[in-house]
Amino acid sequence: MSARNSKTSNVFATQGTLDGLCGPYSFANSLVCCGFEQEVAIKAFGVLCEWLVGKWGASCLLEGTSEKQMFPGIKHCQAVIGELNRDLLIQYPWRSIASRPKNGAQFIEKFDSFNSELVARWCAIVQTRDNPNFSHWTVIRSVGPNIEFIDSSPDYRTPSQKRKSTLFSENQRIWSPDFKHLILIAKKEDK
């Protein structure tokens, strides 16, 4: 993944070209999406990266993060950053195999049910199934009949929105959320 400068022949690296930081970027983007200040998201990005390196070494920042690294890393950020400790709501609704959706229709039905269960400003961090050898963390949220994608990779050809009804159709395999990995993120409403 790279960006080309039209005035020169230089090719510049973008997020994802040299690193596997889509997980930390997705967490930071989910916080902004839910209404946290940019400064909190930037701090959370740094805290998560430091924690990942401390637990697993720098290779996870180059190769990417798994759900076994993301889940506890987000909880760590919540514990050490005051605003997140006070206002962040996190759910991992599909951690057990029995609770995971079995197909695209169940994914959409369960995903939409979170609208009524959570506060107004929420989103989800998911892994997408772009290709069999590669998964990618990104942020999604429900927007009427669509799923909106908020991604950190400017050259990754992220769709801005996809219709829920075609999200899992055979000709739409790219940018389909993985059924197993979903982290719900929300900000508590001000009282």
N, C-alpha and C. Protein backbone atom coordinates (compact mmCIF):
# COMPACT_ATOMS: atom_id res chain seq x y z
N MET A 1 0.84 -1.17 0.00
CA MET A 1 0.00 0.00 0.00
C MET A 1 0.89 1.23 0.00
N SER A 2 0.65 2.13 -0.89
CA SER A 2 1.47 3.33 -0.94
C SER A 2 0.71 4.45 -1.60
N ALA A 3 1.19 5.65 -1.41
CA ALA A 3 0.59 6.82 -2.03
C ALA A 3 1.61 7.40 -3.00
N ARG A 4 1.17 7.75 -4.19
CA ARG A 4 2.06 8.32 -5.18
C ARG A 4 1.83 9.81 -5.25
N ASN A 5 2.90 10.58 -5.23
CA ASN A 5 2.84 12.02 -5.39
C ASN A 5 2.75 12.31 -6.88
N SER A 6 1.68 13.00 -7.30
CA SER A 6 1.47 13.23 -8.73
C SER A 6 2.50 14.18 -9.33
N LYS A 7 3.16 15.01 -8.53
CA LYS A 7 4.13 15.97 -9.05
C LYS A 7 5.52 15.36 -9.20
N THR A 8 5.77 14.26 -8.52
CA THR A 8 7.06 13.59 -8.61
C THR A 8 6.81 12.11 -8.86
N SER A 9 7.84 11.38 -9.02
CA SER A 9 7.68 9.93 -9.18
C SER A 9 7.86 9.21 -7.86
N ASN A 10 7.91 9.96 -6.75
CA ASN A 10 8.09 9.36 -5.44
C ASN A 10 6.87 8.57 -5.02
N VAL A 11 7.10 7.46 -4.36
CA VAL A 11 6.04 6.67 -3.77
C VAL A 11 6.24 6.71 -2.27
N PHE A 12 5.22 7.16 -1.54
CA PHE A 12 5.33 7.34 -0.10
C PHE A 12 4.57 6.23 0.61
N ALA A 13 5.10 5.82 1.74
CA ALA A 13 4.46 4.78 2.55
C ALA A 13 3.25 5.35 3.26
N THR A 14 2.24 4.52 3.44
CA THR A 14 1.05 4.89 4.21
C THR A 14 0.86 3.82 5.29
N GLN A 15 -0.07 4.05 6.21
CA GLN A 15 -0.33 3.08 7.27
C GLN A 15 -0.64 1.73 6.63
N GLY A 16 0.04 0.72 7.09
CA GLY A 16 -0.15 -0.62 6.56
C GLY A 16 0.95 -1.07 5.62
N THR A 17 1.70 -0.12 5.06
CA THR A 17 2.79 -0.49 4.15
C THR A 17 3.98 -1.02 4.92
N LEU A 18 4.31 -0.37 6.00
CA LEU A 18 5.50 -0.71 6.77
C LEU A 18 5.18 -1.26 8.15
N ASP A 19 3.92 -1.30 8.51
CA ASP A 19 3.55 -1.67 9.87
C ASP A 19 2.28 -2.50 9.90
N GLY A 20 2.00 -3.04 11.06
CA GLY A 20 0.76 -3.76 11.32
C GLY A 20 -0.04 -3.06 12.39
N LEU A 21 -0.13 -1.74 12.29
CA LEU A 21 -0.76 -0.93 13.33
C LEU A 21 -2.26 -0.70 13.13
N CYS A 22 -2.89 -1.49 12.28
CA CYS A 22 -4.32 -1.27 12.05
C CYS A 22 -5.14 -1.46 13.34
N GLY A 23 -4.70 -2.34 14.24
CA GLY A 23 -5.41 -2.54 15.51
C GLY A 23 -5.38 -1.29 16.37
N PRO A 24 -4.19 -0.76 16.71
CA PRO A 24 -4.16 0.48 17.49
C PRO A 24 -4.85 1.66 16.79
N TYR A 25 -4.68 1.78 15.47
CA TYR A 25 -5.38 2.84 14.75
C TYR A 25 -6.89 2.68 14.87
N SER A 26 -7.37 1.45 14.75
CA SER A 26 -8.81 1.22 14.84
C SER A 26 -9.35 1.58 16.21
N PHE A 27 -8.59 1.26 17.26
CA PHE A 27 -9.02 1.64 18.61
C PHE A 27 -9.09 3.16 18.73
N ALA A 28 -8.06 3.86 18.28
CA ALA A 28 -8.06 5.33 18.34
C ALA A 28 -9.21 5.90 17.52
N ASN A 29 -9.44 5.38 16.32
CA ASN A 29 -10.53 5.87 15.47
C ASN A 29 -11.89 5.58 16.09
N SER A 30 -12.02 4.45 16.76
CA SER A 30 -13.31 4.14 17.40
C SER A 30 -13.62 5.12 18.52
N LEU A 31 -12.60 5.57 19.24
CA LEU A 31 -12.82 6.54 20.31
C LEU A 31 -13.32 7.87 19.75
N VAL A 32 -12.70 8.34 18.67
CA VAL A 32 -13.15 9.58 18.03
C VAL A 32 -14.57 9.40 17.50
N CYS A 33 -14.83 8.26 16.89
CA CYS A 33 -16.16 7.97 16.35
C CYS A 33 -17.24 8.04 17.43
N CYS A 34 -16.88 7.65 18.65
CA CYS A 34 -17.84 7.64 19.75
C CYS A 34 -17.91 8.95 20.53
N GLY A 35 -17.09 9.93 20.15
CA GLY A 35 -17.20 11.23 20.78
C GLY A 35 -16.11 11.59 21.76
N PHE A 36 -15.08 10.76 21.90
CA PHE A 36 -13.95 11.14 22.75
C PHE A 36 -13.11 12.18 22.02
N GLU A 37 -12.43 13.02 22.79
CA GLU A 37 -11.57 14.05 22.22
C GLU A 37 -10.39 13.40 21.48
N GLN A 38 -9.89 14.09 20.46
CA GLN A 38 -8.76 13.62 19.68
C GLN A 38 -7.55 13.33 20.57
N GLU A 39 -7.33 14.17 21.56
CA GLU A 39 -6.17 13.99 22.45
C GLU A 39 -6.25 12.67 23.21
N VAL A 40 -7.46 12.28 23.61
CA VAL A 40 -7.65 11.01 24.31
C VAL A 40 -7.34 9.85 23.36
N ALA A 41 -7.78 9.96 22.12
CA ALA A 41 -7.52 8.91 21.13
C ALA A 41 -6.03 8.77 20.85
N ILE A 42 -5.33 9.89 20.74
CA ILE A 42 -3.88 9.86 20.50
C ILE A 42 -3.16 9.22 21.69
N LYS A 43 -3.58 9.59 22.90
CA LYS A 43 -2.97 9.01 24.10
C LYS A 43 -3.23 7.50 24.14
N ALA A 44 -4.45 7.09 23.82
CA ALA A 44 -4.80 5.67 23.83
C ALA A 44 -3.98 4.90 22.80
N PHE A 45 -3.76 5.49 21.63
CA PHE A 45 -2.93 4.86 20.59
C PHE A 45 -1.53 4.59 21.15
N GLY A 46 -0.94 5.58 21.79
CA GLY A 46 0.40 5.43 22.35
C GLY A 46 0.46 4.41 23.48
N VAL A 47 -0.52 4.47 24.37
CA VAL A 47 -0.55 3.54 25.50
C VAL A 47 -0.71 2.11 24.99
N LEU A 48 -1.59 1.91 24.01
CA LEU A 48 -1.79 0.57 23.46
C LEU A 48 -0.52 0.06 22.78
N CYS A 49 0.13 0.90 21.98
CA CYS A 49 1.37 0.48 21.32
C CYS A 49 2.45 0.12 22.33
N GLU A 50 2.62 0.95 23.37
CA GLU A 50 3.62 0.66 24.41
C GLU A 50 3.31 -0.64 25.12
N TRP A 51 2.04 -0.85 25.43
CA TRP A 51 1.63 -2.08 26.12
C TRP A 51 1.89 -3.30 25.25
N LEU A 52 1.54 -3.22 23.97
CA LEU A 52 1.76 -4.33 23.05
C LEU A 52 3.24 -4.69 22.96
N VAL A 53 4.09 -3.67 22.81
CA VAL A 53 5.53 -3.92 22.72
C VAL A 53 6.05 -4.53 24.03
N GLY A 54 5.56 -4.02 25.16
CA GLY A 54 5.99 -4.55 26.44
C GLY A 54 5.60 -6.00 26.65
N LYS A 55 4.45 -6.40 26.13
CA LYS A 55 3.96 -7.78 26.31
C LYS A 55 4.47 -8.73 25.24
N TRP A 56 4.52 -8.28 23.99
CA TRP A 56 4.81 -9.18 22.87
C TRP A 56 6.02 -8.77 22.04
N GLY A 57 6.64 -7.67 22.35
CA GLY A 57 7.78 -7.22 21.55
C GLY A 57 7.32 -6.43 20.33
N ALA A 58 8.28 -5.79 19.70
CA ALA A 58 7.97 -4.90 18.57
C ALA A 58 7.42 -5.62 17.36
N SER A 59 7.59 -6.92 17.27
CA SER A 59 7.12 -7.64 16.09
C SER A 59 5.61 -7.51 15.89
N CYS A 60 4.84 -7.38 16.97
CA CYS A 60 3.38 -7.25 16.80
C CYS A 60 3.00 -5.93 16.15
N LEU A 61 3.87 -4.91 16.26
CA LEU A 61 3.60 -3.64 15.58
C LEU A 61 3.94 -3.72 14.10
N LEU A 62 4.78 -4.68 13.74
CA LEU A 62 5.12 -4.86 12.33
C LEU A 62 4.22 -5.89 11.66
N GLU A 63 3.89 -6.94 12.38
CA GLU A 63 3.12 -8.04 11.80
C GLU A 63 1.62 -7.93 12.05
N GLY A 64 1.21 -7.11 12.99
CA GLY A 64 -0.20 -6.96 13.30
C GLY A 64 -0.57 -7.59 14.62
N THR A 65 -1.78 -7.28 15.09
CA THR A 65 -2.24 -7.74 16.39
C THR A 65 -3.40 -8.70 16.24
N SER A 66 -3.45 -9.67 17.13
CA SER A 66 -4.54 -10.63 17.15
C SER A 66 -5.59 -10.17 18.16
N GLU A 67 -6.72 -10.87 18.18
CA GLU A 67 -7.74 -10.55 19.17
C GLU A 67 -7.23 -10.84 20.58
N LYS A 68 -6.33 -11.81 20.73
CA LYS A 68 -5.77 -12.11 22.05
C LYS A 68 -4.87 -10.99 22.54
N GLN A 69 -4.42 -10.14 21.65
CA GLN A 69 -3.63 -8.97 22.04
C GLN A 69 -4.52 -7.73 22.16
N MET A 70 -5.47 -7.59 21.26
CA MET A 70 -6.33 -6.39 21.25
C MET A 70 -7.24 -6.31 22.48
N PHE A 71 -7.91 -7.40 22.82
CA PHE A 71 -8.87 -7.35 23.92
C PHE A 71 -8.21 -6.89 25.23
N PRO A 72 -7.15 -7.55 25.68
CA PRO A 72 -6.54 -7.09 26.94
C PRO A 72 -5.84 -5.74 26.79
N GLY A 73 -5.35 -5.43 25.59
CA GLY A 73 -4.71 -4.13 25.38
C GLY A 73 -5.69 -2.98 25.55
N ILE A 74 -6.89 -3.14 25.05
CA ILE A 74 -7.92 -2.11 25.20
C ILE A 74 -8.32 -1.98 26.67
N LYS A 75 -8.45 -3.11 27.36
CA LYS A 75 -8.77 -3.05 28.79
C LYS A 75 -7.66 -2.34 29.57
N HIS A 76 -6.40 -2.56 29.17
CA HIS A 76 -5.28 -1.86 29.81
C HIS A 76 -5.42 -0.35 29.61
N CYS A 77 -5.72 0.07 28.40
CA CYS A 77 -5.90 1.51 28.13
C CYS A 77 -7.01 2.08 28.99
N GLN A 78 -8.09 1.33 29.10
CA GLN A 78 -9.21 1.79 29.93
C GLN A 78 -8.79 1.96 31.38
N ALA A 79 -7.95 1.06 31.86
CA ALA A 79 -7.52 1.11 33.27
C ALA A 79 -6.58 2.27 33.56
N VAL A 80 -5.75 2.67 32.59
CA VAL A 80 -4.72 3.68 32.89
C VAL A 80 -5.04 5.09 32.38
N ILE A 81 -6.03 5.23 31.53
CA ILE A 81 -6.39 6.56 31.02
C ILE A 81 -7.70 6.99 31.69
N GLY A 82 -7.63 8.05 32.47
CA GLY A 82 -8.76 8.49 33.29
C GLY A 82 -10.07 8.64 32.55
N GLU A 83 -10.07 9.32 31.40
CA GLU A 83 -11.31 9.54 30.64
C GLU A 83 -11.92 8.21 30.18
N LEU A 84 -11.07 7.27 29.82
CA LEU A 84 -11.58 5.98 29.36
C LEU A 84 -12.07 5.14 30.54
N ASN A 85 -11.39 5.22 31.66
CA ASN A 85 -11.83 4.49 32.85
C ASN A 85 -13.22 4.95 33.27
N ARG A 86 -13.46 6.24 33.13
CA ARG A 86 -14.74 6.83 33.54
C ARG A 86 -15.85 6.64 32.50
N ASP A 87 -15.52 6.79 31.21
CA ASP A 87 -16.57 6.92 30.20
C ASP A 87 -16.62 5.85 29.12
N LEU A 88 -15.65 4.94 29.05
CA LEU A 88 -15.63 3.96 27.97
C LEU A 88 -16.42 2.71 28.33
N LEU A 89 -17.28 2.31 27.41
CA LEU A 89 -18.01 1.05 27.53
C LEU A 89 -17.46 0.09 26.48
N ILE A 90 -17.10 -1.11 26.88
CA ILE A 90 -16.54 -2.11 25.98
C ILE A 90 -17.33 -3.40 26.14
N GLN A 91 -17.66 -4.03 25.02
CA GLN A 91 -18.28 -5.36 25.05
C GLN A 91 -17.58 -6.24 24.02
N TYR A 92 -17.45 -7.50 24.34
CA TYR A 92 -16.94 -8.52 23.41
C TYR A 92 -18.04 -9.56 23.27
N PRO A 93 -19.10 -9.26 22.55
CA PRO A 93 -20.29 -10.10 22.59
C PRO A 93 -20.11 -11.48 21.96
N TRP A 94 -19.11 -11.66 21.13
CA TRP A 94 -19.00 -12.93 20.41
C TRP A 94 -17.74 -13.69 20.77
N ARG A 95 -17.23 -13.50 21.98
CA ARG A 95 -16.01 -14.21 22.38
C ARG A 95 -16.22 -15.71 22.44
N SER A 96 -17.38 -16.14 22.91
CA SER A 96 -17.63 -17.59 22.95
C SER A 96 -18.13 -18.05 21.58
N ILE A 97 -17.73 -19.23 21.20
CA ILE A 97 -18.09 -19.76 19.88
C ILE A 97 -19.60 -19.88 19.75
N ALA A 98 -20.29 -20.25 20.81
CA ALA A 98 -21.74 -20.43 20.74
C ALA A 98 -22.48 -19.14 20.43
N SER A 99 -21.93 -17.99 20.83
CA SER A 99 -22.63 -16.72 20.63
C SER A 99 -22.36 -16.09 19.27
N ARG A 100 -21.42 -16.63 18.51
CA ARG A 100 -21.06 -16.03 17.22
C ARG A 100 -22.13 -16.28 16.17
N PRO A 101 -22.34 -15.30 15.30
CA PRO A 101 -23.29 -15.52 14.21
C PRO A 101 -22.76 -16.61 13.27
N LYS A 102 -23.69 -17.34 12.66
CA LYS A 102 -23.30 -18.45 11.78
C LYS A 102 -23.22 -18.02 10.32
N ASN A 103 -23.84 -16.88 9.98
CA ASN A 103 -23.86 -16.42 8.59
C ASN A 103 -24.04 -14.90 8.56
N GLY A 104 -24.02 -14.34 7.37
CA GLY A 104 -24.12 -12.90 7.21
C GLY A 104 -25.42 -12.32 7.74
N ALA A 105 -26.52 -13.01 7.52
CA ALA A 105 -27.82 -12.52 7.99
C ALA A 105 -27.84 -12.43 9.51
N GLN A 106 -27.30 -13.45 10.19
CA GLN A 106 -27.24 -13.40 11.65
C GLN A 106 -26.30 -12.30 12.13
N PHE A 107 -25.19 -12.09 11.41
CA PHE A 107 -24.28 -11.01 11.79
C PHE A 107 -25.03 -9.68 11.79
N ILE A 108 -25.73 -9.38 10.69
CA ILE A 108 -26.46 -8.11 10.57
C ILE A 108 -27.53 -8.01 11.64
N GLU A 109 -28.28 -9.09 11.87
CA GLU A 109 -29.35 -9.07 12.88
C GLU A 109 -28.78 -8.79 14.27
N LYS A 110 -27.71 -9.49 14.63
CA LYS A 110 -27.10 -9.28 15.95
C LYS A 110 -26.45 -7.90 16.05
N PHE A 111 -25.79 -7.49 14.97
CA PHE A 111 -25.14 -6.18 14.96
C PHE A 111 -26.18 -5.07 15.14
N ASP A 112 -27.29 -5.16 14.41
CA ASP A 112 -28.35 -4.15 14.53
C ASP A 112 -29.00 -4.15 15.90
N SER A 113 -29.03 -5.30 16.57
CA SER A 113 -29.66 -5.35 17.90
C SER A 113 -28.87 -4.52 18.92
N PHE A 114 -27.59 -4.28 18.65
CA PHE A 114 -26.80 -3.46 19.57
C PHE A 114 -27.29 -2.01 19.57
N ASN A 115 -27.94 -1.56 18.50
CA ASN A 115 -28.46 -0.20 18.44
C ASN A 115 -29.37 0.09 19.62
N SER A 116 -30.23 -0.85 19.95
CA SER A 116 -31.18 -0.61 21.04
C SER A 116 -30.56 -0.86 22.41
N GLU A 117 -29.49 -1.63 22.46
CA GLU A 117 -28.88 -1.97 23.75
C GLU A 117 -27.85 -0.95 24.22
N LEU A 118 -27.24 -0.23 23.30
CA LEU A 118 -26.16 0.67 23.65
C LEU A 118 -26.62 2.13 23.59
N VAL A 119 -25.74 3.00 24.04
CA VAL A 119 -25.99 4.42 23.96
C VAL A 119 -25.96 4.86 22.50
N ALA A 120 -26.30 6.10 22.24
CA ALA A 120 -26.43 6.59 20.87
C ALA A 120 -25.12 6.54 20.09
N ARG A 121 -24.00 6.83 20.72
CA ARG A 121 -22.72 6.90 19.98
C ARG A 121 -21.91 5.64 20.24
N TRP A 122 -21.96 4.72 19.30
CA TRP A 122 -21.22 3.48 19.43
C TRP A 122 -20.73 3.04 18.07
N CYS A 123 -19.75 2.16 18.08
CA CYS A 123 -19.24 1.58 16.86
C CYS A 123 -18.61 0.24 17.22
N ALA A 124 -18.04 -0.42 16.25
CA ALA A 124 -17.40 -1.71 16.51
C ALA A 124 -16.06 -1.77 15.79
N ILE A 125 -15.11 -2.43 16.44
CA ILE A 125 -13.84 -2.75 15.81
C ILE A 125 -13.97 -4.20 15.37
N VAL A 126 -13.73 -4.44 14.08
CA VAL A 126 -13.85 -5.80 13.53
C VAL A 126 -12.62 -6.12 12.70
N GLN A 127 -12.42 -7.41 12.50
CA GLN A 127 -11.43 -7.83 11.51
C GLN A 127 -12.19 -8.11 10.22
N THR A 128 -11.63 -7.68 9.12
CA THR A 128 -12.24 -7.96 7.83
C THR A 128 -11.54 -9.14 7.18
N ARG A 129 -12.27 -9.81 6.31
CA ARG A 129 -11.73 -10.98 5.61
C ARG A 129 -11.42 -10.58 4.18
N ASP A 130 -10.37 -9.83 4.00
CA ASP A 130 -10.03 -9.34 2.66
C ASP A 130 -9.45 -10.43 1.79
N ASN A 131 -8.63 -11.24 2.38
CA ASN A 131 -8.06 -12.35 1.63
C ASN A 131 -7.73 -13.44 2.64
N PRO A 132 -7.62 -14.68 2.20
CA PRO A 132 -7.48 -15.78 3.15
C PRO A 132 -6.22 -15.71 4.02
N ASN A 133 -5.19 -15.02 3.56
CA ASN A 133 -3.93 -14.97 4.29
C ASN A 133 -3.75 -13.69 5.09
N PHE A 134 -4.74 -12.84 5.10
CA PHE A 134 -4.55 -11.51 5.69
C PHE A 134 -5.85 -11.04 6.30
N SER A 135 -5.81 -10.54 7.51
CA SER A 135 -6.98 -9.90 8.09
C SER A 135 -6.59 -8.49 8.52
N HIS A 136 -7.58 -7.66 8.66
CA HIS A 136 -7.33 -6.23 8.88
C HIS A 136 -8.36 -5.70 9.87
N TRP A 137 -7.90 -5.03 10.93
CA TRP A 137 -8.80 -4.39 11.89
C TRP A 137 -9.30 -3.08 11.30
N THR A 138 -10.58 -2.82 11.43
CA THR A 138 -11.16 -1.55 11.00
C THR A 138 -12.36 -1.25 11.89
N VAL A 139 -12.92 -0.06 11.74
CA VAL A 139 -14.07 0.36 12.53
C VAL A 139 -15.30 0.36 11.63
N ILE A 140 -16.41 -0.14 12.16
CA ILE A 140 -17.67 -0.08 11.44
C ILE A 140 -18.75 0.48 12.36
N ARG A 141 -19.76 1.07 11.74
CA ARG A 141 -20.94 1.48 12.50
C ARG A 141 -22.15 1.41 11.59
N SER A 142 -23.29 1.28 12.22
CA SER A 142 -24.54 1.15 11.49
C SER A 142 -25.06 2.54 11.11
N VAL A 143 -25.37 2.71 9.83
CA VAL A 143 -25.94 3.96 9.34
C VAL A 143 -27.14 3.59 8.48
N GLY A 144 -28.32 3.53 9.10
CA GLY A 144 -29.52 3.14 8.37
C GLY A 144 -29.35 1.76 7.74
N PRO A 145 -29.57 1.65 6.41
CA PRO A 145 -29.45 0.35 5.75
C PRO A 145 -28.00 -0.02 5.42
N ASN A 146 -27.05 0.79 5.84
CA ASN A 146 -25.65 0.58 5.47
C ASN A 146 -24.76 0.33 6.68
N ILE A 147 -23.60 -0.22 6.39
CA ILE A 147 -22.50 -0.31 7.34
C ILE A 147 -21.46 0.68 6.85
N GLU A 148 -21.05 1.60 7.72
CA GLU A 148 -20.01 2.56 7.37
C GLU A 148 -18.67 2.03 7.87
N PHE A 149 -17.65 2.12 7.01
CA PHE A 149 -16.29 1.70 7.36
C PHE A 149 -15.45 2.94 7.62
N ILE A 150 -14.72 2.93 8.73
CA ILE A 150 -13.80 4.02 9.09
C ILE A 150 -12.44 3.37 9.21
N ASP A 151 -11.57 3.62 8.26
CA ASP A 151 -10.33 2.86 8.18
C ASP A 151 -9.12 3.76 8.25
N SER A 152 -8.00 3.19 8.68
CA SER A 152 -6.76 3.95 8.87
C SER A 152 -5.83 3.90 7.67
N SER A 153 -6.13 3.08 6.69
CA SER A 153 -5.23 2.91 5.56
C SER A 153 -5.74 3.70 4.36
N PRO A 154 -5.15 4.85 4.05
CA PRO A 154 -5.69 5.70 2.98
C PRO A 154 -5.62 5.07 1.60
N ASP A 155 -4.72 4.13 1.40
CA ASP A 155 -4.56 3.53 0.08
C ASP A 155 -5.16 2.12 0.02
N TYR A 156 -5.98 1.78 0.99
CA TYR A 156 -6.47 0.41 1.09
C TYR A 156 -7.79 0.20 0.36
N ARG A 157 -8.27 1.20 -0.32
CA ARG A 157 -9.52 1.14 -1.08
C ARG A 157 -10.70 0.71 -0.20
N THR A 158 -10.77 1.34 0.94
CA THR A 158 -11.85 1.07 1.87
C THR A 158 -13.15 1.63 1.33
N PRO A 159 -14.21 0.85 1.28
CA PRO A 159 -15.49 1.44 0.91
C PRO A 159 -15.96 2.33 2.04
N SER A 160 -16.56 3.47 1.73
CA SER A 160 -17.06 4.30 2.82
C SER A 160 -18.29 3.65 3.44
N GLN A 161 -19.13 3.06 2.62
CA GLN A 161 -20.31 2.36 3.12
C GLN A 161 -20.63 1.18 2.21
N LYS A 162 -21.23 0.16 2.80
CA LYS A 162 -21.75 -0.96 2.04
C LYS A 162 -23.15 -1.26 2.55
N ARG A 163 -24.02 -1.67 1.65
CA ARG A 163 -25.38 -2.03 2.05
C ARG A 163 -25.34 -3.30 2.90
N LYS A 164 -26.12 -3.28 3.99
CA LYS A 164 -26.16 -4.46 4.86
C LYS A 164 -26.66 -5.68 4.10
N SER A 165 -27.60 -5.46 3.19
CA SER A 165 -28.21 -6.58 2.47
C SER A 165 -27.22 -7.29 1.55
N THR A 166 -26.14 -6.62 1.13
CA THR A 166 -25.17 -7.26 0.23
C THR A 166 -23.80 -7.43 0.87
N LEU A 167 -23.68 -7.13 2.14
CA LEU A 167 -22.38 -7.15 2.82
C LEU A 167 -21.69 -8.50 2.72
N PHE A 168 -22.46 -9.58 2.75
CA PHE A 168 -21.87 -10.91 2.75
C PHE A 168 -22.17 -11.71 1.49
N SER A 169 -22.65 -11.07 0.43
CA SER A 169 -22.93 -11.80 -0.80
C SER A 169 -21.63 -12.26 -1.43
N GLU A 170 -21.70 -13.28 -2.26
CA GLU A 170 -20.51 -13.89 -2.86
C GLU A 170 -19.66 -12.88 -3.61
N ASN A 171 -20.28 -11.93 -4.30
CA ASN A 171 -19.50 -10.95 -5.06
C ASN A 171 -19.01 -9.79 -4.19
N GLN A 172 -19.26 -9.84 -2.89
CA GLN A 172 -18.83 -8.80 -1.96
C GLN A 172 -17.92 -9.37 -0.88
N ARG A 173 -17.10 -10.37 -1.20
CA ARG A 173 -16.26 -11.02 -0.20
C ARG A 173 -15.21 -10.08 0.40
N ILE A 174 -14.72 -9.14 -0.37
CA ILE A 174 -13.76 -8.18 0.17
C ILE A 174 -14.49 -7.21 1.08
N TRP A 175 -13.90 -6.90 2.18
CA TRP A 175 -14.46 -6.00 3.19
C TRP A 175 -15.71 -6.57 3.84
N SER A 176 -15.71 -7.87 4.07
CA SER A 176 -16.75 -8.50 4.86
C SER A 176 -16.20 -8.74 6.26
N PRO A 177 -16.93 -8.32 7.29
CA PRO A 177 -16.43 -8.55 8.66
C PRO A 177 -16.31 -10.03 8.97
N ASP A 178 -15.29 -10.38 9.72
CA ASP A 178 -15.10 -11.73 10.21
C ASP A 178 -16.10 -11.94 11.35
N PHE A 179 -16.76 -13.07 11.37
CA PHE A 179 -17.78 -13.33 12.39
C PHE A 179 -17.21 -13.42 13.80
N LYS A 180 -15.94 -13.78 13.93
CA LYS A 180 -15.39 -14.10 15.24
C LYS A 180 -14.95 -12.89 16.05
N HIS A 181 -14.48 -11.85 15.39
CA HIS A 181 -13.78 -10.79 16.10
C HIS A 181 -14.56 -9.48 16.03
N LEU A 182 -15.19 -9.13 17.13
CA LEU A 182 -15.98 -7.91 17.20
C LEU A 182 -15.81 -7.32 18.59
N ILE A 183 -15.43 -6.04 18.65
CA ILE A 183 -15.30 -5.33 19.91
C ILE A 183 -16.22 -4.11 19.83
N LEU A 184 -17.23 -4.07 20.68
CA LEU A 184 -18.13 -2.92 20.70
C LEU A 184 -17.53 -1.84 21.59
N ILE A 185 -17.54 -0.61 21.09
CA ILE A 185 -17.00 0.53 21.80
C ILE A 185 -18.09 1.60 21.88
N ALA A 186 -18.29 2.17 23.05
CA ALA A 186 -19.28 3.24 23.21
C ALA A 186 -18.80 4.20 24.30
N LYS A 187 -19.32 5.40 24.24
CA LYS A 187 -19.03 6.39 25.28
C LYS A 187 -20.29 6.57 26.10
N LYS A 188 -20.13 6.52 27.42
CA LYS A 188 -21.26 6.74 28.30
C LYS A 188 -21.84 8.12 28.02
N GLU A 189 -23.13 8.23 28.06
CA GLU A 189 -23.77 9.52 27.81
C GLU A 189 -23.59 10.41 29.02
N ASP A 190 -23.40 11.71 28.75
CA ASP A 190 -23.29 12.69 29.83
C ASP A 190 -24.60 12.77 30.58
N LYS A 191 -24.51 12.84 31.86
CA LYS A 191 -25.73 12.93 32.70
C LYS A 191 -26.09 14.36 32.94
